[in-house]
Amino acid sequence: MSLKIKGSMCTGCSACEPECPNVAIREKGGVFVIDPNKCTECEGQFDSPQCVAVCPVDDCIVKA
């Protein structure tokens, strides 16, 4: 499974990008997107997804 960033809610703050251990997050058109082929929801690396932990907008990053 992977996560996705709701583009309409993303503020473009970039807090999530450096936290991703799989380099699955990138900027596109002023907001950030998650590559579903790279996202592992941080399983096996952390107890919870790191992008969700640092995102300042509640419910912006959700299961795809």
PDB file of N, CA and C in Angstrom:
ATOM      1  N   MET A   1       0.851  -1.180   0.000  1.00  0.00           N
ATOM      2  CA  MET A   1       0.000   0.000   0.000  1.00  0.00           C
ATOM      3  C   MET A   1       0.892   1.236   0.000  1.00  0.00           C
ATOM      4  N   SER A   2       0.310   2.342  -0.355  1.00  0.00           N
ATOM      5  CA  SER A   2       1.065   3.581  -0.325  1.00  0.00           C
ATOM      6  C   SER A   2       0.172   4.706   0.175  1.00  0.00           C
ATOM      7  N   LEU A   3       0.795   5.842   0.370  1.00  0.00           N
ATOM      8  CA  LEU A   3       0.081   7.024   0.815  1.00  0.00           C
ATOM      9  C   LEU A   3      -0.024   7.999  -0.340  1.00  0.00           C
ATOM     10  N   LYS A   4      -0.912   8.980  -0.206  1.00  0.00           N
ATOM     11  CA  LYS A   4      -0.988  10.052  -1.186  1.00  0.00           C
ATOM     12  C   LYS A   4      -1.213  11.362  -0.457  1.00  0.00           C
ATOM     13  N   ILE A   5      -0.777  12.422  -1.088  1.00  0.00           N
ATOM     14  CA  ILE A   5      -0.945  13.765  -0.550  1.00  0.00           C
ATOM     15  C   ILE A   5      -2.107  14.407  -1.291  1.00  0.00           C
ATOM     16  N   LYS A   6      -3.074  14.910  -0.544  1.00  0.00           N
ATOM     17  CA  LYS A   6      -4.207  15.608  -1.160  1.00  0.00           C
ATOM     18  C   LYS A   6      -3.703  16.962  -1.653  1.00  0.00           C
ATOM     19  N   GLY A   7      -3.602  17.091  -2.963  1.00  0.00           N
ATOM     20  CA  GLY A   7      -3.071  18.312  -3.567  1.00  0.00           C
ATOM     21  C   GLY A   7      -3.815  19.567  -3.162  1.00  0.00           C
ATOM     22  N   SER A   8      -5.110  19.463  -2.985  1.00  0.00           N
ATOM     23  CA  SER A   8      -5.919  20.628  -2.609  1.00  0.00           C
ATOM     24  C   SER A   8      -5.653  21.091  -1.189  1.00  0.00           C
ATOM     25  N   MET A   9      -5.061  20.218  -0.376  1.00  0.00           N
ATOM     26  CA  MET A   9      -4.780  20.564   1.016  1.00  0.00           C
ATOM     27  C   MET A   9      -3.304  20.889   1.264  1.00  0.00           C
ATOM     28  N   CYS A  10      -2.433  20.455   0.351  1.00  0.00           N
ATOM     29  CA  CYS A  10      -0.994  20.642   0.532  1.00  0.00           C
ATOM     30  C   CYS A  10      -0.642  22.121   0.452  1.00  0.00           C
ATOM     31  N   THR A  11       0.106  22.599   1.440  1.00  0.00           N
ATOM     32  CA  THR A  11       0.519  24.004   1.466  1.00  0.00           C
ATOM     33  C   THR A  11       1.864  24.220   0.785  1.00  0.00           C
ATOM     34  N   GLY A  12       2.521  23.134   0.390  1.00  0.00           N
ATOM     35  CA  GLY A  12       3.825  23.251  -0.261  1.00  0.00           C
ATOM     36  C   GLY A  12       4.944  23.587   0.699  1.00  0.00           C
ATOM     37  N   CYS A  13       4.763  23.278   1.967  1.00  0.00           N
ATOM     38  CA  CYS A  13       5.759  23.643   2.983  1.00  0.00           C
ATOM     39  C   CYS A  13       7.050  22.834   2.885  1.00  0.00           C
ATOM     40  N   SER A  14       6.998  21.668   2.269  1.00  0.00           N
ATOM     41  CA  SER A  14       8.132  20.761   2.053  1.00  0.00           C
ATOM     42  C   SER A  14       8.615  20.024   3.298  1.00  0.00           C
ATOM     43  N   ALA A  15       7.868  20.043   4.375  1.00  0.00           N
ATOM     44  CA  ALA A  15       8.281  19.348   5.597  1.00  0.00           C
ATOM     45  C   ALA A  15       8.402  17.850   5.375  1.00  0.00           C
ATOM     46  N   CYS A  16       7.564  17.300   4.514  1.00  0.00           N
ATOM     47  CA  CYS A  16       7.521  15.854   4.296  1.00  0.00           C
ATOM     48  C   CYS A  16       8.678  15.324   3.457  1.00  0.00           C
ATOM     49  N   GLU A  17       9.104  16.076   2.482  1.00  0.00           N
ATOM     50  CA  GLU A  17      10.078  15.582   1.506  1.00  0.00           C
ATOM     51  C   GLU A  17      11.366  15.040   2.130  1.00  0.00           C
ATOM     52  N   PRO A  18      12.048  15.776   2.994  1.00  0.00           N
ATOM     53  CA  PRO A  18      13.299  15.248   3.538  1.00  0.00           C
ATOM     54  C   PRO A  18      13.112  14.110   4.539  1.00  0.00           C
ATOM     55  N   GLU A  19      11.894  13.910   5.031  1.00  0.00           N
ATOM     56  CA  GLU A  19      11.628  12.863   6.018  1.00  0.00           C
ATOM     57  C   GLU A  19      11.420  11.491   5.394  1.00  0.00           C
ATOM     58  N   CYS A  20      11.164  11.426   4.101  1.00  0.00           N
ATOM     59  CA  CYS A  20      10.856  10.156   3.442  1.00  0.00           C
ATOM     60  C   CYS A  20      12.118   9.324   3.245  1.00  0.00           C
ATOM     61  N   PRO A  21      12.195   8.149   3.890  1.00  0.00           N
ATOM     62  CA  PRO A  21      13.393   7.318   3.762  1.00  0.00           C
ATOM     63  C   PRO A  21      13.511   6.648   2.391  1.00  0.00           C
ATOM     64  N   ASN A  22      12.434   6.672   1.608  1.00  0.00           N
ATOM     65  CA  ASN A  22      12.430   6.022   0.295  1.00  0.00           C
ATOM     66  C   ASN A  22      12.535   7.008  -0.868  1.00  0.00           C
ATOM     67  N   VAL A  23      12.706   8.278  -0.549  1.00  0.00           N
ATOM     68  CA  VAL A  23      12.786   9.343  -1.556  1.00  0.00           C
ATOM     69  C   VAL A  23      11.581   9.240  -2.514  1.00  0.00           C
ATOM     70  N   ALA A  24      10.405   9.051  -1.927  1.00  0.00           N
ATOM     71  CA  ALA A  24       9.178   8.883  -2.706  1.00  0.00           C
ATOM     72  C   ALA A  24       8.398  10.184  -2.874  1.00  0.00           C
ATOM     73  N   ILE A  25       8.833  11.254  -2.227  1.00  0.00           N
ATOM     74  CA  ILE A  25       8.088  12.508  -2.256  1.00  0.00           C
ATOM     75  C   ILE A  25       8.859  13.544  -3.067  1.00  0.00           C
ATOM     76  N   ARG A  26       8.120  14.235  -3.947  1.00  0.00           N
ATOM     77  CA  ARG A  26       8.742  15.286  -4.743  1.00  0.00           C
ATOM     78  C   ARG A  26       7.742  16.415  -4.959  1.00  0.00           C
ATOM     79  N   GLU A  27       8.268  17.564  -5.334  1.00  0.00           N
ATOM     80  CA  GLU A  27       7.435  18.737  -5.594  1.00  0.00           C
ATOM     81  C   GLU A  27       6.949  18.695  -7.035  1.00  0.00           C
ATOM     82  N   LYS A  28       5.695  19.060  -7.227  1.00  0.00           N
ATOM     83  CA  LYS A  28       5.126  19.115  -8.570  1.00  0.00           C
ATOM     84  C   LYS A  28       4.088  20.226  -8.599  1.00  0.00           C
ATOM     85  N   GLY A  29       4.375  21.252  -9.322  1.00  0.00           N
ATOM     86  CA  GLY A  29       3.417  22.348  -9.462  1.00  0.00           C
ATOM     87  C   GLY A  29       3.113  23.089  -8.176  1.00  0.00           C
ATOM     88  N   GLY A  30       4.068  23.205  -7.297  1.00  0.00           N
ATOM     89  CA  GLY A  30       3.881  23.953  -6.053  1.00  0.00           C
ATOM     90  C   GLY A  30       3.350  23.144  -4.882  1.00  0.00           C
ATOM     91  N   VAL A  31       3.015  21.885  -5.127  1.00  0.00           N
ATOM     92  CA  VAL A  31       2.581  20.993  -4.054  1.00  0.00           C
ATOM     93  C   VAL A  31       3.431  19.725  -4.122  1.00  0.00           C
ATOM     94  N   PHE A  32       3.291  18.872  -3.144  1.00  0.00           N
ATOM     95  CA  PHE A  32       4.101  17.662  -3.103  1.00  0.00           C
ATOM     96  C   PHE A  32       3.262  16.435  -3.428  1.00  0.00           C
ATOM     97  N   VAL A  33       3.898  15.465  -4.067  1.00  0.00           N
ATOM     98  CA  VAL A  33       3.235  14.221  -4.461  1.00  0.00           C
ATOM     99  C   VAL A  33       4.088  13.041  -4.013  1.00  0.00           C
ATOM    100  N   ILE A  34       3.433  11.898  -3.825  1.00  0.00           N
ATOM    101  CA  ILE A  34       4.114  10.677  -3.406  1.00  0.00           C
ATOM    102  C   ILE A  34       4.085   9.681  -4.558  1.00  0.00           C
ATOM    103  N   ASP A  35       5.243   9.138  -4.887  1.00  0.00           N
ATOM    104  CA  ASP A  35       5.340   8.106  -5.919  1.00  0.00           C
ATOM    105  C   ASP A  35       4.873   6.794  -5.292  1.00  0.00           C
ATOM    106  N   PRO A  36       3.731   6.247  -5.734  1.00  0.00           N
ATOM    107  CA  PRO A  36       3.199   5.031  -5.116  1.00  0.00           C
ATOM    108  C   PRO A  36       4.098   3.808  -5.314  1.00  0.00           C
ATOM    109  N   ASN A  37       4.972   3.854  -6.303  1.00  0.00           N
ATOM    110  CA  ASN A  37       5.896   2.739  -6.534  1.00  0.00           C
ATOM    111  C   ASN A  37       7.054   2.719  -5.545  1.00  0.00           C
ATOM    112  N   LYS A  38       7.291   3.849  -4.880  1.00  0.00           N
ATOM    113  CA  LYS A  38       8.387   3.945  -3.912  1.00  0.00           C
ATOM    114  C   LYS A  38       7.905   3.953  -2.459  1.00  0.00           C
ATOM    115  N   CYS A  39       6.659   4.357  -2.236  1.00  0.00           N
ATOM    116  CA  CYS A  39       6.133   4.497  -0.870  1.00  0.00           C
ATOM    117  C   CYS A  39       5.861   3.133  -0.240  1.00  0.00           C
ATOM    118  N   THR A  40       6.377   2.948   0.968  1.00  0.00           N
ATOM    119  CA  THR A  40       6.138   1.720   1.733  1.00  0.00           C
ATOM    120  C   THR A  40       5.409   2.016   3.041  1.00  0.00           C
ATOM    121  N   GLU A  41       4.952   3.269   3.203  1.00  0.00           N
ATOM    122  CA  GLU A  41       4.354   3.731   4.458  1.00  0.00           C
ATOM    123  C   GLU A  41       5.334   3.565   5.616  1.00  0.00           C
ATOM    124  N   CYS A  42       6.618   3.536   5.297  1.00  0.00           N
ATOM    125  CA  CYS A  42       7.718   3.416   6.259  1.00  0.00           C
ATOM    126  C   CYS A  42       7.725   2.089   7.013  1.00  0.00           C
ATOM    127  N   GLU A  43       6.991   1.092   6.508  1.00  0.00           N
ATOM    128  CA  GLU A  43       6.970  -0.213   7.165  1.00  0.00           C
ATOM    129  C   GLU A  43       8.368  -0.812   7.197  1.00  0.00           C
ATOM    130  N   GLY A  44       8.729  -1.338   8.345  1.00  0.00           N
ATOM    131  CA  GLY A  44      10.036  -1.941   8.528  1.00  0.00           C
ATOM    132  C   GLY A  44      11.129  -0.935   8.854  1.00  0.00           C
ATOM    133  N   GLN A  45      10.793   0.365   8.792  1.00  0.00           N
ATOM    134  CA  GLN A  45      11.783   1.403   9.085  1.00  0.00           C
ATOM    135  C   GLN A  45      11.383   2.245  10.295  1.00  0.00           C
ATOM    136  N   PHE A  46      10.099   2.554  10.402  1.00  0.00           N
ATOM    137  CA  PHE A  46       9.580   3.383  11.489  1.00  0.00           C
ATOM    138  C   PHE A  46       8.241   2.821  11.944  1.00  0.00           C
ATOM    139  N   ASP A  47       7.791   3.238  13.116  1.00  0.00           N
ATOM    140  CA  ASP A  47       6.512   2.773  13.641  1.00  0.00           C
ATOM    141  C   ASP A  47       5.318   3.382  12.911  1.00  0.00           C
ATOM    142  N   SER A  48       5.518   4.548  12.299  1.00  0.00           N
ATOM    143  CA  SER A  48       4.446   5.208  11.560  1.00  0.00           C
ATOM    144  C   SER A  48       5.056   5.983  10.398  1.00  0.00           C
ATOM    145  N   PRO A  49       4.253   6.326   9.390  1.00  0.00           N
ATOM    146  CA  PRO A  49       4.769   7.083   8.251  1.00  0.00           C
ATOM    147  C   PRO A  49       5.343   8.437   8.696  1.00  0.00           C
ATOM    148  N   GLN A  50       6.552   8.690   8.305  1.00  0.00           N
ATOM    149  CA  GLN A  50       7.232   9.905   8.739  1.00  0.00           C
ATOM    150  C   GLN A  50       6.650  11.163   8.113  1.00  0.00           C
ATOM    151  N   CYS A  51       6.149  11.068   6.888  1.00  0.00           N
ATOM    152  CA  CYS A  51       5.559  12.247   6.252  1.00  0.00           C
ATOM    153  C   CYS A  51       4.313  12.709   7.000  1.00  0.00           C
ATOM    154  N   VAL A  52       3.513  11.747   7.441  1.00  0.00           N
ATOM    155  CA  VAL A  52       2.299  12.078   8.196  1.00  0.00           C
ATOM    156  C   VAL A  52       2.674  12.721   9.527  1.00  0.00           C
ATOM    157  N   ALA A  53       3.721  12.218  10.151  1.00  0.00           N
ATOM    158  CA  ALA A  53       4.148  12.728  11.459  1.00  0.00           C
ATOM    159  C   ALA A  53       4.570  14.189  11.403  1.00  0.00           C
ATOM    160  N   VAL A  54       5.154  14.633  10.290  1.00  0.00           N
ATOM    161  CA  VAL A  54       5.655  16.013  10.210  1.00  0.00           C
ATOM    162  C   VAL A  54       4.738  16.966   9.467  1.00  0.00           C
ATOM    163  N   CYS A  55       3.730  16.450   8.767  1.00  0.00           N
ATOM    164  CA  CYS A  55       2.848  17.312   8.003  1.00  0.00           C
ATOM    165  C   CYS A  55       2.026  18.215   8.936  1.00  0.00           C
ATOM    166  N   PRO A  56       2.057  19.540   8.717  1.00  0.00           N
ATOM    167  CA  PRO A  56       1.311  20.447   9.590  1.00  0.00           C
ATOM    168  C   PRO A  56      -0.189  20.496   9.303  1.00  0.00           C
ATOM    169  N   VAL A  57      -0.638  19.850   8.220  1.00  0.00           N
ATOM    170  CA  VAL A  57      -2.054  19.897   7.840  1.00  0.00           C
ATOM    171  C   VAL A  57      -2.686  18.526   8.141  1.00  0.00           C
ATOM    172  N   ASP A  58      -3.634  18.516   9.056  1.00  0.00           N
ATOM    173  CA  ASP A  58      -4.309  17.272   9.427  1.00  0.00           C
ATOM    174  C   ASP A  58      -5.021  16.656   8.225  1.00  0.00           C
ATOM    175  N   ASP A  59      -4.888  15.347   8.079  1.00  0.00           N
ATOM    176  CA  ASP A  59      -5.550  14.570   7.046  1.00  0.00           C
ATOM    177  C   ASP A  59      -5.166  14.965   5.607  1.00  0.00           C
ATOM    178  N   CYS A  60      -4.011  15.578   5.433  1.00  0.00           N
ATOM    179  CA  CYS A  60      -3.516  15.921   4.106  1.00  0.00           C
ATOM    180  C   CYS A  60      -2.894  14.711   3.423  1.00  0.00           C
ATOM    181  N   ILE A  61      -2.274  13.827   4.224  1.00  0.00           N
ATOM    182  CA  ILE A  61      -1.647  12.625   3.693  1.00  0.00           C
ATOM    183  C   ILE A  61      -2.472  11.436   4.151  1.00  0.00           C
ATOM    184  N   VAL A  62      -2.984  10.696   3.177  1.00  0.00           N
ATOM    185  CA  VAL A  62      -3.917   9.597   3.455  1.00  0.00           C
ATOM    186  C   VAL A  62      -3.513   8.341   2.677  1.00  0.00           C
ATOM    187  N   LYS A  63      -4.122   7.211   3.021  1.00  0.00           N
ATOM    188  CA  LYS A  63      -3.885   5.975   2.271  1.00  0.00           C
ATOM    189  C   LYS A  63      -4.419   6.142   0.853  1.00  0.00           C
ATOM    190  N   ALA A  64      -3.657   5.644  -0.097  1.00  0.00           N
ATOM    191  CA  ALA A  64      -4.063   5.776  -1.504  1.00  0.00           C
ATOM    192  C   ALA A  64      -5.173   4.787  -1.827  1.00  0.00           C
TER     193      ALA A  64
END
